[in-house]
Amino acid sequence: MTEPTRYQTAPVELPLRMELEPTPVEGCPGCVELANVRDRARTGGDMTTVSDCNVYLRRHPEGHQ
C-alpha cells in the first residue's frame, strides 16, 4: 500500500479558451434571428441563452454549404 501524500500539491492550471462569438451569415434569416435572440438574452442577463445561441450559430452554417 502506498503512503498518502502529506503535503499540498500545486493546483492544476487549465488553459483559458477565449473564442470569438460566431457571426451570422449575411442574407440568412435564421442566422439573423439567432443573433437577435442572443443580443436580447445578453441585455437581459441570460447568459445560458447567449451560449445556446452561439452553439446554434456554429452548427447552423452546415445548411449554407
N, C-alpha and C. Protein backbone atom coordinates (compact mmCIF):
# COMPACT_ATOMS: atom_id res chain seq x y z
N MET A 1 0.84 -1.17 0.00
CA MET A 1 0.00 0.00 0.00
C MET A 1 0.89 1.24 0.00
N THR A 2 0.51 2.24 -0.77
CA THR A 2 1.34 3.44 -0.84
C THR A 2 1.00 4.40 0.29
N GLU A 3 1.97 5.20 0.62
CA GLU A 3 1.81 6.19 1.68
C GLU A 3 1.03 7.39 1.13
N PRO A 4 0.03 7.91 1.82
CA PRO A 4 -0.72 9.07 1.33
C PRO A 4 0.17 10.31 1.29
N THR A 5 -0.16 11.22 0.39
CA THR A 5 0.58 12.47 0.27
C THR A 5 0.27 13.34 1.48
N ARG A 6 1.29 13.84 2.11
CA ARG A 6 1.11 14.63 3.32
C ARG A 6 1.47 16.10 3.10
N TYR A 7 1.53 16.51 1.89
CA TYR A 7 1.82 17.89 1.58
C TYR A 7 0.87 18.35 0.48
N GLN A 8 0.69 19.64 0.40
CA GLN A 8 -0.23 20.18 -0.60
C GLN A 8 0.45 20.20 -1.96
N THR A 9 -0.23 19.69 -2.96
CA THR A 9 0.31 19.71 -4.31
C THR A 9 -0.09 21.00 -5.01
N ALA A 10 0.63 21.34 -6.04
CA ALA A 10 0.35 22.56 -6.80
C ALA A 10 -1.00 22.43 -7.51
N PRO A 11 -1.73 23.53 -7.67
CA PRO A 11 -3.01 23.46 -8.38
C PRO A 11 -2.81 23.17 -9.87
N VAL A 12 -3.78 22.54 -10.45
CA VAL A 12 -3.76 22.26 -11.88
C VAL A 12 -4.22 23.51 -12.60
N GLU A 13 -3.45 23.96 -13.57
CA GLU A 13 -3.82 25.15 -14.35
C GLU A 13 -4.36 24.71 -15.70
N LEU A 14 -5.59 25.10 -15.97
CA LEU A 14 -6.23 24.78 -17.24
C LEU A 14 -6.11 25.96 -18.19
N PRO A 15 -6.00 25.70 -19.50
CA PRO A 15 -5.88 26.81 -20.45
C PRO A 15 -7.19 27.60 -20.55
N LEU A 16 -7.07 28.88 -20.73
CA LEU A 16 -8.23 29.74 -20.91
C LEU A 16 -8.53 29.85 -22.39
N ARG A 17 -9.73 29.43 -22.78
CA ARG A 17 -10.12 29.48 -24.18
C ARG A 17 -11.02 30.69 -24.40
N MET A 18 -10.55 31.64 -25.14
CA MET A 18 -11.33 32.85 -25.43
C MET A 18 -11.67 32.84 -26.92
N GLU A 19 -12.75 32.17 -27.26
CA GLU A 19 -13.17 32.11 -28.65
C GLU A 19 -14.08 33.28 -28.97
N LEU A 20 -13.97 33.77 -30.18
CA LEU A 20 -14.87 34.83 -30.63
C LEU A 20 -16.26 34.24 -30.87
N GLU A 21 -17.27 35.06 -30.68
CA GLU A 21 -18.63 34.61 -30.95
C GLU A 21 -18.81 34.45 -32.45
N PRO A 22 -19.61 33.46 -32.86
CA PRO A 22 -19.87 33.30 -34.29
C PRO A 22 -20.70 34.47 -34.83
N THR A 23 -20.47 34.80 -36.07
CA THR A 23 -21.21 35.89 -36.71
C THR A 23 -22.25 35.31 -37.66
N PRO A 24 -23.39 35.97 -37.79
CA PRO A 24 -24.43 35.45 -38.70
C PRO A 24 -23.99 35.58 -40.16
N VAL A 25 -24.45 34.63 -40.97
CA VAL A 25 -24.17 34.68 -42.41
C VAL A 25 -25.08 35.72 -43.03
N GLU A 26 -24.49 36.60 -43.82
CA GLU A 26 -25.25 37.69 -44.44
C GLU A 26 -26.34 37.13 -45.35
N GLY A 27 -27.54 37.64 -45.18
CA GLY A 27 -28.67 37.25 -46.01
C GLY A 27 -29.43 36.03 -45.53
N CYS A 28 -29.02 35.45 -44.40
CA CYS A 28 -29.71 34.27 -43.88
C CYS A 28 -30.63 34.69 -42.74
N PRO A 29 -31.94 34.54 -42.91
CA PRO A 29 -32.87 34.95 -41.86
C PRO A 29 -32.72 34.13 -40.57
N GLY A 30 -32.34 32.86 -40.68
CA GLY A 30 -32.14 32.03 -39.50
C GLY A 30 -30.98 32.54 -38.65
N CYS A 31 -29.89 32.90 -39.31
CA CYS A 31 -28.72 33.43 -38.61
C CYS A 31 -29.05 34.77 -37.94
N VAL A 32 -29.77 35.61 -38.66
CA VAL A 32 -30.13 36.92 -38.13
C VAL A 32 -31.01 36.76 -36.89
N GLU A 33 -31.97 35.85 -36.94
CA GLU A 33 -32.86 35.63 -35.79
C GLU A 33 -32.07 35.13 -34.59
N LEU A 34 -31.16 34.18 -34.80
CA LEU A 34 -30.34 33.68 -33.69
C LEU A 34 -29.50 34.80 -33.07
N ALA A 35 -28.94 35.65 -33.92
CA ALA A 35 -28.14 36.77 -33.42
C ALA A 35 -29.01 37.75 -32.63
N ASN A 36 -30.23 37.99 -33.10
CA ASN A 36 -31.14 38.89 -32.38
C ASN A 36 -31.55 38.31 -31.02
N VAL A 37 -31.84 37.02 -30.99
CA VAL A 37 -32.20 36.37 -29.72
C VAL A 37 -31.01 36.44 -28.76
N ARG A 38 -29.82 36.22 -29.29
CA ARG A 38 -28.60 36.29 -28.47
C ARG A 38 -28.42 37.68 -27.88
N ASP A 39 -28.64 38.70 -28.69
CA ASP A 39 -28.49 40.09 -28.21
C ASP A 39 -29.51 40.42 -27.12
N ARG A 40 -30.77 40.00 -27.32
CA ARG A 40 -31.80 40.25 -26.31
C ARG A 40 -31.49 39.50 -25.02
N ALA A 41 -31.00 38.27 -25.15
CA ALA A 41 -30.67 37.48 -23.96
C ALA A 41 -29.52 38.13 -23.19
N ARG A 42 -28.52 38.62 -23.90
CA ARG A 42 -27.39 39.28 -23.24
C ARG A 42 -27.86 40.53 -22.50
N THR A 43 -28.75 41.31 -23.13
CA THR A 43 -29.30 42.50 -22.50
C THR A 43 -30.04 42.16 -21.22
N GLY A 44 -30.75 41.03 -21.23
CA GLY A 44 -31.50 40.59 -20.06
C GLY A 44 -30.67 39.81 -19.06
N GLY A 45 -29.39 39.59 -19.34
CA GLY A 45 -28.52 38.88 -18.41
C GLY A 45 -28.67 37.36 -18.47
N ASP A 46 -29.28 36.84 -19.52
CA ASP A 46 -29.49 35.40 -19.66
C ASP A 46 -28.34 34.79 -20.45
N MET A 47 -27.23 34.53 -19.76
CA MET A 47 -26.04 34.05 -20.44
C MET A 47 -26.16 32.59 -20.91
N THR A 48 -27.10 31.85 -20.34
CA THR A 48 -27.33 30.48 -20.81
C THR A 48 -27.88 30.51 -22.23
N THR A 49 -28.83 31.39 -22.48
CA THR A 49 -29.39 31.52 -23.82
C THR A 49 -28.35 32.08 -24.79
N VAL A 50 -27.52 33.00 -24.32
CA VAL A 50 -26.44 33.52 -25.17
C VAL A 50 -25.54 32.37 -25.62
N SER A 51 -25.17 31.52 -24.69
CA SER A 51 -24.32 30.37 -25.01
C SER A 51 -25.03 29.41 -25.97
N ASP A 52 -26.31 29.16 -25.73
CA ASP A 52 -27.08 28.28 -26.61
C ASP A 52 -27.12 28.83 -28.04
N CYS A 53 -27.36 30.13 -28.16
CA CYS A 53 -27.42 30.75 -29.49
C CYS A 53 -26.07 30.64 -30.20
N ASN A 54 -24.98 30.79 -29.45
CA ASN A 54 -23.65 30.63 -30.05
C ASN A 54 -23.45 29.22 -30.58
N VAL A 55 -23.92 28.23 -29.83
CA VAL A 55 -23.81 26.84 -30.30
C VAL A 55 -24.64 26.65 -31.56
N TYR A 56 -25.87 27.15 -31.56
CA TYR A 56 -26.73 27.00 -32.74
C TYR A 56 -26.15 27.73 -33.95
N LEU A 57 -25.57 28.90 -33.74
CA LEU A 57 -24.95 29.62 -34.85
C LEU A 57 -23.74 28.87 -35.39
N ARG A 58 -22.98 28.24 -34.52
CA ARG A 58 -21.82 27.48 -35.00
C ARG A 58 -22.26 26.26 -35.80
N ARG A 59 -23.36 25.65 -35.41
CA ARG A 59 -23.85 24.47 -36.12
C ARG A 59 -24.64 24.84 -37.37
N HIS A 60 -25.26 26.01 -37.37
CA HIS A 60 -26.16 26.43 -38.45
C HIS A 60 -25.47 26.54 -39.81
N PRO A 61 -24.21 26.98 -39.89
CA PRO A 61 -23.60 27.13 -41.23
C PRO A 61 -23.58 25.86 -42.06
N GLU A 62 -23.79 24.70 -41.43
CA GLU A 62 -23.83 23.46 -42.21
C GLU A 62 -24.90 23.53 -43.30
N GLY A 63 -25.97 24.30 -43.04
CA GLY A 63 -27.02 24.44 -44.03
C GLY A 63 -26.69 25.42 -45.14
N HIS A 64 -25.60 26.15 -45.01
CA HIS A 64 -25.23 27.15 -46.02
C HIS A 64 -24.31 26.60 -47.10
N GLN A 65 -23.87 25.38 -46.96
CA GLN A 65 -22.88 24.84 -47.92
C GLN A 65 -23.53 24.37 -49.18
